[in-house]
Protein backbone atom coordinates (compact mmCIF):
# COMPACT_ATOMS: atom_id res chain seq x y z
CA MET A 1 0.00 0.00 0.00
CA SER A 2 2.59 2.56 1.11
CA LEU A 3 5.16 4.30 -1.05
CA ARG A 4 8.65 5.43 -0.04
CA VAL A 5 9.96 8.18 -2.33
CA ARG A 6 13.51 9.45 -2.70
CA PHE A 7 14.56 12.38 -4.88
CA ASP A 8 18.18 12.12 -6.07
CA GLY A 9 19.83 15.25 -7.49
CA VAL A 10 16.73 16.39 -9.43
CA CYS A 11 17.48 19.21 -11.87
CA LYS A 12 15.13 20.97 -14.25
CA HIS A 13 15.54 23.71 -16.86
CA PHE A 14 12.89 25.69 -18.68
CA GLY A 15 14.88 27.00 -21.63
CA PRO A 16 17.95 28.77 -20.27
CA VAL A 17 16.44 29.11 -16.78
CA GLN A 18 17.32 26.43 -14.23
CA VAL A 19 14.49 26.03 -11.71
CA LEU A 20 15.68 22.95 -9.79
CA HIS A 21 19.27 22.54 -8.64
CA GLY A 22 20.10 18.98 -7.56
CA VAL A 23 17.21 18.45 -5.15
CA SER A 24 17.63 15.41 -2.87
CA PHE A 25 15.52 14.23 0.06
CA GLU A 26 13.42 11.24 1.12
CA LEU A 27 9.77 10.84 2.07
CA GLU A 28 8.65 7.93 4.23
CA PRO A 29 5.24 6.26 3.90
CA GLY A 30 2.30 7.06 6.13
CA ARG A 31 3.39 10.62 6.92
CA VAL A 32 1.99 14.07 6.14
CA TYR A 33 4.71 16.38 4.84
CA GLY A 34 4.39 20.14 4.58
CA LEU A 35 6.32 21.23 1.48
CA LEU A 36 7.20 24.88 2.03
CA GLY A 37 8.85 27.60 -0.01
CA GLU A 38 8.18 30.94 -1.62
CA ASN A 39 6.52 31.13 -5.04
CA GLY A 40 9.25 30.21 -7.49
CA ALA A 41 11.06 27.95 -4.99
CA GLY A 42 10.45 24.94 -7.24
CA LYS A 43 7.88 23.07 -5.12
CA SER A 44 5.23 22.69 -7.79
CA THR A 45 7.78 21.83 -10.50
CA LEU A 46 9.25 19.06 -8.34
CA MET A 47 5.78 17.66 -7.65
CA LYS A 48 4.87 17.80 -11.34
CA ILE A 49 7.97 15.72 -12.07
CA LEU A 50 6.93 13.21 -9.39
CA CYS A 51 3.37 13.03 -10.79
CA GLY A 52 4.29 12.70 -14.48
CA TYR A 53 3.38 16.21 -15.69
CA GLU A 54 7.03 17.18 -16.28
CA GLN A 55 10.24 15.28 -16.93
CA ALA A 56 13.40 15.88 -14.94
CA GLY A 57 16.73 16.79 -16.49
CA PRO A 58 19.67 15.21 -14.68
CA GLY A 59 18.69 13.29 -11.58
CA GLY A 60 15.40 11.62 -10.80
CA PHE A 61 13.47 9.80 -8.14
CA SER A 62 12.88 6.29 -6.90
CA ILE A 63 9.81 4.63 -5.39
CA ASP A 64 10.34 1.85 -2.87
CA GLY A 65 13.99 1.70 -3.91
CA GLU A 66 13.31 1.31 -7.65
CA PRO A 67 14.25 4.14 -10.09
CA CYS A 68 11.08 5.55 -11.57
CA ARG A 69 10.05 7.95 -14.33
CA PHE A 70 6.41 8.37 -15.32
CA ALA A 71 5.70 9.16 -18.96
CA ASP A 72 2.58 11.12 -18.06
CA SER A 73 0.10 11.75 -15.27
CA ARG A 74 -2.07 8.79 -16.24
CA GLU A 75 0.85 6.40 -15.69
CA ALA A 76 1.59 8.06 -12.33
CA GLU A 77 -2.04 7.71 -11.24
CA ALA A 78 -2.02 4.04 -12.21
CA ALA A 79 0.87 3.67 -9.75
CA GLY A 80 -1.09 5.50 -7.06
CA VAL A 81 0.68 8.89 -7.31
CA VAL A 82 -1.94 11.65 -7.63
CA LEU A 83 -1.69 15.45 -7.75
CA ILE A 84 -4.47 17.86 -6.76
CA HIS A 85 -3.64 21.01 -8.71
CA GLN A 86 -3.57 24.50 -7.23
CA GLU A 87 -5.22 25.83 -10.39
CA PHE A 88 -8.36 23.93 -11.32
CA ASN A 89 -7.88 21.21 -13.90
CA LEU A 90 -11.55 20.63 -14.67
CA ALA A 91 -13.65 20.53 -17.83
CA ASP A 92 -16.25 23.27 -17.30
CA ASP A 93 -18.81 21.91 -19.74
CA LEU A 94 -18.87 18.40 -18.23
CA SER A 95 -20.75 17.32 -15.13
CA VAL A 96 -19.15 16.63 -11.75
CA VAL A 97 -19.34 12.86 -12.22
CA GLN A 98 -17.93 13.13 -15.76
CA ASN A 99 -14.99 15.15 -14.42
CA ILE A 100 -14.31 12.66 -11.64
CA PHE A 101 -14.09 9.77 -14.12
CA LEU A 102 -12.68 11.65 -17.09
CA GLY A 103 -10.18 9.42 -18.90
CA ARG A 104 -11.06 6.29 -16.92
CA GLU A 105 -14.74 5.87 -17.60
CA ARG A 106 -16.38 2.61 -16.53
CA ARG A 107 -18.15 0.56 -19.14
CA ARG A 108 -20.76 -2.17 -19.25
CA GLY A 109 -20.21 -3.76 -22.59
CA TRP A 110 -20.22 -1.05 -25.24
CA LEU A 111 -22.03 1.46 -23.04
CA LEU A 112 -20.87 3.68 -20.19
CA ASP A 113 -21.82 2.38 -16.74
CA GLU A 114 -23.27 5.68 -15.62
CA ALA A 115 -25.04 4.30 -12.55
CA SER A 116 -21.84 2.83 -11.13
CA MET A 117 -19.85 6.01 -11.82
CA ARG A 118 -22.53 8.19 -10.24
CA GLU A 119 -22.61 6.01 -7.12
CA SER A 120 -18.81 6.08 -6.74
CA ALA A 121 -18.72 9.80 -7.43
CA ARG A 122 -21.31 10.36 -4.70
CA GLU A 123 -19.15 8.37 -2.22
CA ALA A 124 -16.09 10.52 -3.02
CA MET A 125 -18.18 13.70 -2.81
CA ASP A 126 -19.62 12.64 0.56
CA ALA A 127 -16.09 12.07 1.86
CA VAL A 128 -15.19 15.71 1.20
CA GLY A 129 -18.57 17.11 2.21
CA LEU A 130 -19.75 18.12 -1.25
CA SER A 131 -23.55 17.86 -1.21
CA ILE A 132 -24.63 18.74 -4.75
CA ASP A 133 -26.14 16.82 -7.65
CA PRO A 134 -23.32 14.81 -9.34
CA ASP A 135 -24.86 15.74 -12.71
CA THR A 136 -24.33 19.49 -12.12
CA ARG A 137 -22.10 21.12 -14.72
CA VAL A 138 -18.78 22.29 -13.29
CA ARG A 139 -19.32 25.65 -14.99
CA ASP A 140 -22.24 26.28 -12.62
CA LEU A 141 -20.26 25.64 -9.40
CA ILE A 142 -18.74 28.28 -7.17
CA VAL A 143 -14.97 28.28 -6.65
CA ALA A 144 -15.07 26.38 -3.34
CA GLU A 145 -17.21 23.60 -4.88
CA LYS A 146 -14.76 23.25 -7.77
CA GLN A 147 -11.96 22.79 -5.25
CA LEU A 148 -13.90 20.00 -3.54
CA VAL A 149 -14.51 18.33 -6.92
CA GLU A 150 -10.74 18.31 -7.48
CA ILE A 151 -10.21 16.64 -4.11
CA ALA A 152 -13.02 14.13 -4.68
CA ARG A 153 -11.57 13.22 -8.07
CA ALA A 154 -8.16 12.54 -6.50
CA LEU A 155 -9.69 10.37 -3.77
CA SER A 156 -11.53 8.30 -6.37
CA ARG A 157 -8.17 7.33 -7.88
CA GLN A 158 -7.15 5.31 -4.80
CA ALA A 159 -3.97 7.29 -4.22
CA ARG A 160 -1.04 5.81 -2.31
CA LEU A 161 0.82 9.12 -2.48
CA LEU A 162 -1.30 12.24 -2.65
CA VAL A 163 0.06 15.72 -3.43
CA MET A 164 -2.21 18.59 -2.36
CA ASP A 165 -1.26 22.01 -3.75
CA GLU A 166 -3.06 24.78 -1.80
CA PRO A 167 -6.15 22.60 -1.24
CA THR A 168 -7.91 24.93 1.22
CA ALA A 169 -7.45 28.20 -0.67
CA THR A 170 -11.21 28.59 -1.18
CA LEU A 171 -12.65 26.39 1.58
CA THR A 172 -14.60 27.45 4.65
CA PRO A 173 -13.27 26.57 8.13
CA GLY A 174 -15.81 23.74 8.32
CA GLU A 175 -14.75 22.32 4.95
CA THR A 176 -11.09 22.64 5.94
CA HIS A 177 -11.77 20.78 9.21
CA ARG A 178 -13.41 17.96 7.26
CA LEU A 179 -10.48 17.81 4.83
CA PHE A 180 -8.00 17.57 7.70
CA ALA A 181 -9.96 14.67 9.20
CA LEU A 182 -9.82 12.98 5.79
CA ILE A 183 -6.04 13.54 5.53
CA ARG A 184 -5.55 11.93 8.94
CA GLN A 185 -7.63 8.92 7.84
CA LEU A 186 -5.50 8.57 4.70
CA ARG A 187 -2.28 8.82 6.75
CA ASP A 188 -3.52 6.14 9.16
CA ARG A 189 -4.13 3.88 6.15
CA GLY A 190 -0.48 4.33 5.12
CA VAL A 191 -0.97 6.97 2.41
CA THR A 192 1.85 9.51 2.08
CA VAL A 193 0.48 13.06 1.81
CA ILE A 194 2.51 16.03 0.54
CA TYR A 195 0.75 19.20 1.61
CA ILE A 196 1.79 22.43 -0.13
CA SER A 197 0.41 25.56 1.51
CA HIS A 198 1.33 29.12 2.38
CA LYS A 199 -1.03 28.98 5.37
CA LEU A 200 1.48 28.16 8.06
CA ASP A 201 -1.20 27.69 10.72
CA GLU A 202 -2.57 24.81 8.62
CA VAL A 203 0.90 23.34 8.11
CA GLU A 204 1.42 23.49 11.87
CA GLN A 205 -1.90 21.77 12.48
CA ILE A 206 -1.97 18.95 9.90
CA THR A 207 1.61 17.94 9.02
CA ASP A 208 4.06 15.60 10.76
CA GLU A 209 7.18 17.02 9.12
CA ILE A 210 8.16 20.01 7.00
CA VAL A 211 10.40 20.08 3.94
CA VAL A 212 11.65 23.53 2.94
CA MET A 213 12.84 24.56 -0.53
CA ARG A 214 14.32 27.89 -1.58
CA ASP A 215 15.44 29.08 -5.03
CA GLY A 216 15.12 25.59 -6.50
CA ARG A 217 17.17 23.91 -3.78
CA PHE A 218 16.44 21.69 -0.80
CA VAL A 219 16.99 23.57 2.48
CA THR A 220 15.92 21.33 5.35
CA ARG A 221 13.57 18.64 6.59
CA GLY A 222 12.43 18.20 10.19
CA PRO A 223 9.52 17.54 12.54
CA THR A 224 6.79 20.16 12.38
CA ALA A 225 6.56 20.24 16.17
CA GLY A 226 10.12 21.55 16.35
CA HIS A 227 9.41 24.66 14.26
CA THR A 228 7.28 27.70 15.04
CA ARG A 229 5.45 29.51 12.23
CA GLN A 230 8.08 32.24 12.46
CA ASP A 231 10.83 29.61 12.02
CA MET A 232 9.06 28.27 8.92
CA ALA A 233 8.69 31.75 7.42
CA ASN A 234 12.35 32.57 8.04
CA LEU A 235 13.49 29.28 6.46
CA MET A 236 11.34 29.96 3.39
CA VAL A 237 12.69 33.44 2.68
CA GLY A 238 16.24 32.84 3.95
CA ARG A 239 16.22 35.79 6.32
CA GLU A 240 14.60 37.00 9.50
CA LEU A 241 11.09 38.09 8.53
CA THR A 242 9.59 40.61 10.93
CA ASP A 243 6.85 43.24 10.79
CA MET A 244 4.53 41.24 8.53
CA PHE A 245 1.99 44.08 8.46
CA PRO A 246 2.65 47.80 8.04
CA PRO A 247 1.71 50.18 10.85
CA LYS A 248 -2.01 50.96 10.82
CA ALA A 249 -2.96 54.54 10.01
CA PRO A 250 -5.79 56.11 12.03
CA LEU A 251 -9.24 56.02 10.45
CA PRO A 252 -9.48 59.10 8.19
CA ASP A 253 -11.97 61.83 8.95
CA ALA A 254 -13.11 62.70 5.43
CA PRO A 255 -16.20 62.41 3.22
CA PRO A 256 -16.57 58.90 1.74
CA LEU A 257 -15.21 58.12 -1.70
CA LEU A 258 -17.73 55.29 -2.14
CA ALA A 259 -21.06 55.19 -0.33
CA VAL A 260 -23.54 52.31 -0.80
CA ARG A 261 -27.04 52.29 0.64
CA GLU A 262 -29.64 49.44 0.73
CA PHE A 263 -27.98 47.65 -2.19
CA SER A 264 -29.26 44.22 -3.21
CA VAL A 265 -28.10 41.52 -5.60
CA PRO A 266 -30.91 38.96 -6.07
CA GLY A 267 -30.05 35.66 -4.44
CA TRP A 268 -26.79 36.92 -2.95
CA ALA A 269 -26.94 40.23 -1.07
CA GLN A 270 -29.78 42.17 0.52
CA ASP A 271 -29.95 45.76 1.79
CA VAL A 272 -26.20 46.16 2.14
CA GLY A 273 -24.82 49.54 3.13
CA PHE A 274 -21.25 50.70 3.69
CA GLU A 275 -18.81 53.45 2.86
CA VAL A 276 -15.05 53.75 2.37
CA ARG A 277 -13.06 56.94 2.83
CA PRO A 278 -9.85 58.16 1.19
CA GLY A 279 -6.88 56.59 2.96
CA GLU A 280 -8.97 53.79 4.47
CA ILE A 281 -8.46 50.03 4.13
CA LEU A 282 -11.91 48.50 4.63
CA GLY A 283 -12.19 44.72 5.02
CA PHE A 284 -15.02 42.33 4.14
CA ALA A 285 -15.16 39.05 6.07
CA GLY A 286 -17.53 36.11 5.85
CA LEU A 287 -17.76 32.43 5.02
CA VAL A 288 -17.89 31.14 1.45
CA GLY A 289 -21.37 31.93 0.13
CA ALA A 290 -21.83 34.97 2.38
CA GLY A 291 -22.30 37.13 -0.73
CA ARG A 292 -19.18 39.33 -0.52
CA THR A 293 -17.86 38.70 -4.03
CA GLU A 294 -21.34 38.72 -5.54
CA LEU A 295 -22.11 42.05 -3.86
CA PHE A 296 -19.21 43.73 -5.66
CA GLU A 297 -19.97 41.96 -8.92
CA GLY A 298 -23.40 43.56 -8.66
CA LEU A 299 -21.87 46.98 -8.02
CA LEU A 300 -19.73 46.56 -11.14
CA GLY A 301 -22.59 45.48 -13.40
CA LEU A 302 -21.50 41.84 -13.60
CA ARG A 303 -24.70 40.72 -11.86
CA PRO A 304 -28.22 42.18 -11.88
CA ARG A 305 -29.00 44.52 -8.99
CA ALA A 306 -32.33 45.14 -7.29
CA GLY A 307 -32.48 48.62 -5.91
CA GLY A 308 -30.11 50.60 -3.75
CA GLU A 309 -28.05 53.74 -4.14
CA VAL A 310 -24.35 53.99 -5.00
CA ARG A 311 -22.39 57.24 -4.86
CA LEU A 312 -18.81 57.57 -6.06
CA GLN A 313 -17.06 60.77 -4.98
CA GLY A 314 -20.48 62.16 -4.08
CA GLU A 315 -22.09 61.50 -7.48
CA PRO A 316 -24.81 58.85 -8.00
CA VAL A 317 -23.59 56.07 -10.30
CA ARG A 318 -24.93 52.90 -11.91
CA PHE A 319 -22.40 50.83 -13.84
CA LYS A 320 -23.34 48.63 -16.76
CA ASP A 321 -19.97 46.86 -16.78
CA PRO A 322 -16.49 46.97 -15.12
CA ARG A 323 -15.12 49.17 -17.90
CA ALA A 324 -17.64 51.89 -17.06
CA ALA A 325 -16.78 51.51 -13.37
CA ALA A 326 -13.06 51.87 -14.11
CA ARG A 327 -13.67 55.02 -16.13
CA ALA A 328 -15.55 56.47 -13.18
CA GLY A 329 -12.77 55.57 -10.72
CA LEU A 330 -13.68 52.13 -9.29
CA THR A 331 -11.63 49.05 -10.21
CA TYR A 332 -11.90 45.44 -9.05
CA LEU A 333 -9.43 42.54 -8.95
CA SER A 334 -11.17 39.15 -9.08
CA GLU A 335 -10.34 36.31 -6.69
CA ASP A 336 -9.88 34.14 -9.81
CA ARG A 337 -6.44 35.43 -10.79
CA LYS A 338 -5.89 33.20 -13.81
CA GLY A 339 -9.50 33.00 -14.95
CA ARG A 340 -10.49 36.68 -14.69
CA GLY A 341 -7.53 38.66 -13.38
CA LEU A 342 -4.90 37.95 -16.04
CA HIS A 343 -4.61 36.58 -19.55
CA VAL A 344 -1.80 34.16 -18.77
CA GLY A 345 -1.05 33.52 -22.44
CA LEU A 346 -0.36 37.22 -23.14
CA SER A 347 2.77 39.19 -22.36
CA LEU A 348 3.32 41.19 -19.19
CA GLN A 349 2.98 44.40 -21.21
CA ASP A 350 -0.31 43.44 -22.83
CA ASN A 351 -1.77 42.37 -19.48
CA LEU A 352 -0.67 45.51 -17.69
CA THR A 353 -2.08 48.03 -20.16
CA LEU A 354 -5.25 46.19 -21.18
CA MET A 355 -7.56 48.25 -18.93
CA ASP A 356 -6.10 51.59 -20.00
CA LEU A 357 -5.29 51.30 -23.69
CA ASP A 358 -6.63 54.79 -24.45
CA ARG A 359 -3.70 56.30 -22.56
CA HIS A 360 -1.22 54.45 -24.80
CA ALA A 361 -2.89 55.20 -28.15
CA ARG A 362 -1.77 58.26 -30.17
CA PRO A 363 -4.00 57.26 -32.06
CA TRP A 364 -2.30 53.90 -32.66
CA LEU A 365 -0.92 51.88 -29.78
CA ASP A 366 2.45 53.30 -28.71
CA ALA A 367 4.69 50.35 -27.83
CA ALA A 368 7.25 52.65 -26.21
CA SER A 369 4.59 54.08 -23.90
CA GLN A 370 3.40 50.59 -22.96
CA ARG A 371 6.99 49.49 -22.34
CA ALA A 372 7.63 52.47 -20.07
CA ALA A 373 4.49 51.64 -18.08
CA LEU A 374 5.67 48.05 -17.66
CA GLN A 375 9.15 49.10 -16.55
CA ALA A 376 7.60 51.43 -13.97
CA ALA A 377 5.27 48.69 -12.71
CA VAL A 378 8.08 46.13 -12.42
CA ARG A 379 10.07 48.64 -10.38
CA ASP A 380 7.24 50.01 -8.22
CA PHE A 381 5.55 46.68 -7.50
CA ARG A 382 8.76 44.62 -7.24
CA ILE A 383 7.66 42.15 -9.93
CA ARG A 384 10.31 39.49 -10.48
CA ALA A 385 10.35 38.36 -14.11
CA GLY A 386 13.08 36.61 -16.06
CA SER A 387 12.36 38.91 -18.99
CA LEU A 388 10.07 41.86 -19.66
CA ASP A 389 8.98 40.00 -22.79
CA ALA A 390 7.81 36.95 -20.82
CA ARG A 391 4.23 35.74 -20.76
CA ALA A 392 2.23 36.31 -17.60
CA GLY A 393 1.82 32.56 -17.15
CA SER A 394 5.58 32.17 -16.67
CA LEU A 395 5.58 34.21 -13.45
CA SER A 396 5.26 32.71 -9.99
CA GLY A 397 1.91 33.10 -8.23
CA GLY A 398 3.09 36.03 -6.12
CA ASN A 399 4.46 37.92 -9.10
CA GLN A 400 1.32 37.23 -11.12
CA GLN A 401 -0.70 38.77 -8.30
CA LYS A 402 1.52 41.86 -8.20
CA LEU A 403 1.07 42.22 -11.97
CA ALA A 404 -2.70 41.86 -11.59
CA ILE A 405 -2.78 44.59 -8.92
CA ALA A 406 -0.63 46.84 -11.10
CA LYS A 407 -3.06 46.21 -13.97
CA VAL A 408 -6.17 47.34 -12.08
CA LEU A 409 -4.29 50.46 -10.94
CA GLN A 410 -3.50 51.55 -14.50
CA PRO A 411 -6.81 53.45 -14.94
CA ARG A 412 -5.81 55.45 -11.82
CA PRO A 413 -8.86 54.60 -9.71
CA ARG A 414 -10.00 56.39 -6.59
CA VAL A 415 -11.43 53.18 -5.07
CA LEU A 416 -9.75 49.78 -5.44
CA VAL A 417 -11.46 46.47 -4.56
CA LEU A 418 -9.13 43.48 -4.03
CA ASP A 419 -10.82 40.08 -3.76
CA GLU A 420 -8.59 37.53 -1.97
CA PRO A 421 -5.43 39.52 -2.83
CA THR A 422 -2.98 36.98 -1.36
CA ARG A 423 -4.65 33.69 -2.27
CA GLY A 424 -1.93 31.17 -3.15
CA VAL A 425 0.83 33.69 -2.45
CA ASP A 426 3.91 32.92 -0.36
CA VAL A 427 4.79 34.66 2.88
CA GLY A 428 7.39 36.98 1.36
CA ALA A 429 5.09 38.12 -1.46
CA LYS A 430 2.23 38.52 1.04
CA ARG A 431 4.29 41.00 3.02
CA ASP A 432 5.09 42.92 -0.18
CA ILE A 433 1.39 43.08 -1.06
CA TYR A 434 0.39 44.21 2.43
CA PHE A 435 2.86 47.09 2.34
CA LEU A 436 1.73 47.95 -1.19
CA ILE A 437 -1.91 48.15 -0.05
CA ALA A 438 -0.91 50.41 2.84
CA ARG A 439 1.06 52.62 0.44
CA LEU A 440 -1.94 52.97 -1.87
CA ALA A 441 -4.15 53.97 1.05
CA ALA A 442 -1.54 56.47 2.23
CA GLU A 443 -1.67 58.02 -1.27
CA GLY A 444 -5.39 58.69 -0.77
CA LEU A 445 -7.08 55.69 -2.38
CA GLY A 446 -9.98 53.96 -0.71
CA VAL A 447 -9.03 50.25 -0.61
CA ILE A 448 -11.52 47.43 0.00
CA VAL A 449 -10.08 43.99 0.83
CA ILE A 450 -12.26 40.88 0.62
CA SER A 451 -10.44 38.04 2.34
CA SER A 452 -11.02 34.65 3.93
CA GLU A 453 -7.86 35.06 6.02
CA LEU A 454 -8.91 36.71 9.25
CA VAL A 455 -5.34 37.48 10.33
CA GLU A 456 -4.94 39.40 7.07
CA LEU A 457 -8.02 41.53 7.70
CA ILE A 458 -7.07 42.18 11.32
CA GLY A 459 -3.50 43.14 10.41
CA LEU A 460 -4.41 45.42 7.49
CA CYS A 461 -7.78 47.06 8.01
CA GLN A 462 -9.05 49.90 10.17
CA ARG A 463 -12.60 48.48 9.93
CA VAL A 464 -13.99 45.09 8.87
CA ILE A 465 -17.57 44.45 7.72
CA VAL A 466 -18.79 40.91 8.42
CA MET A 467 -21.38 39.38 6.08
CA ARG A 468 -23.49 36.28 6.55
CA ALA A 469 -26.19 34.94 4.21
CA GLY A 470 -26.07 38.09 2.09
CA ARG A 471 -26.51 40.58 4.92
CA VAL A 472 -24.17 42.77 6.93
CA GLN A 473 -23.94 41.32 10.45
CA ALA A 474 -21.47 43.73 12.05
CA THR A 475 -18.80 46.36 11.46
CA LEU A 476 -15.80 45.80 13.73
CA ALA A 477 -12.94 48.13 14.60
CA GLY A 478 -10.42 48.74 17.36
CA ASP A 479 -10.41 46.20 20.20
CA HIS A 480 -13.42 44.40 18.67
CA LEU A 481 -11.39 43.54 15.57
CA ASN A 482 -10.25 40.06 16.61
CA GLU A 483 -10.64 36.49 15.35
CA GLU A 484 -13.17 35.46 17.99
CA GLU A 485 -15.63 38.23 17.18
CA LEU A 486 -15.13 37.90 13.42
CA ILE A 487 -15.86 34.17 13.52
CA ALA A 488 -18.81 34.62 15.86
CA HIS A 489 -20.50 37.16 13.56
CA ALA A 490 -19.66 35.17 10.40
CA THR A 491 -21.18 31.97 11.78
CA GLY A 492 -24.13 33.62 13.55
CA THR A 493 -23.06 32.50 17.04
CA HIS A 494 -22.48 36.00 18.41
């Protein structure tokens, strides 16, 4: 049942860039390992090599003492080595059950055995707490449900070694608790679990050992119990990491930049009111499904609205689409970085200037002007890119997020809405983004942060609005801005 894996001098190049430098370490069966490192440390590349999605250069790995190299992911899965991707790897137009069995459909004679597949899919869905119709199209699921489909699909493959890459990025605390119970059951059955996460509290809670990588190299391996979260963060970045959050500015005393009154989005938000002032960082907390994202999609014209008043810089506004909102001074960065935030197949330059092309057209697009904007963004936002001509998809997650933030700032908004701004971002890049947000507020922007990470909201925001079931439950500030009160209002136990 169990698998013992050893990496021996694994190297990997992408063109002229070497991303893995002789990585060697061993993983024993029946253990949960936290694989840690900043974005770009090589964690995901190493796991893709293990799971058959990439091939190593020099070096390789062995399983149970036998040298091994999988030709593709299907061969790896047949051997019991399964990867749950950080970015969804689902077919949107197929149903949940079709996604779970895609590529290994069961047959009864010449026909598909749909009853058997649906029954097995339901068992896997029950294990992860996904209570929806298995015939629902993936396109119609919310982000958290898609994540649970990914996990259910992996479980259905009878993994002996399971790699989880940021599996809780979109899950509620209850869903995360259920997943952790499932991981412990798998470990007790002898399954080796490799858990990749930037949430160090989760690593501390669920893993037996940590393995740290930095700049494509193995740094250390040791028992989780022997390392504090601060130790883990320092090992990841290679230096003492202090002052994770910038100093909090006092709440500004100024007229609001954005004022919303009795605003409703059918099925998602009802009678919501709030305001954000220049220089303020306003947080929105709540469980998945609380209506936070949908509320702002309604404000931007992405969803139908049902009544309410919106004033931007004192003027009544009603936006038909995000472009109109951006022209008026309100921009929004989606939680779905690769689906809606960036065009990963386009260049950094094209991504950056896409929302503000008018400024770079005289009347034709001025490549020199676009290039100057990119150079300024790379400098100001500390975007690490191998080349200015690279595609956005070649950047690490943290650098993609910095590019996405730079993009929504190009129209020079007065109010900026950031939805899950550090999802899937390493601890070093998180700190950069936090200080960037504080800088933007200090320059007079009103910044709204929607986040599932309570520590993030507490560390950044002067005020936090808590939503539950589409309604505002509380607005917390000062001494009331703590995890206990946030959770109590979000769950309705206050």
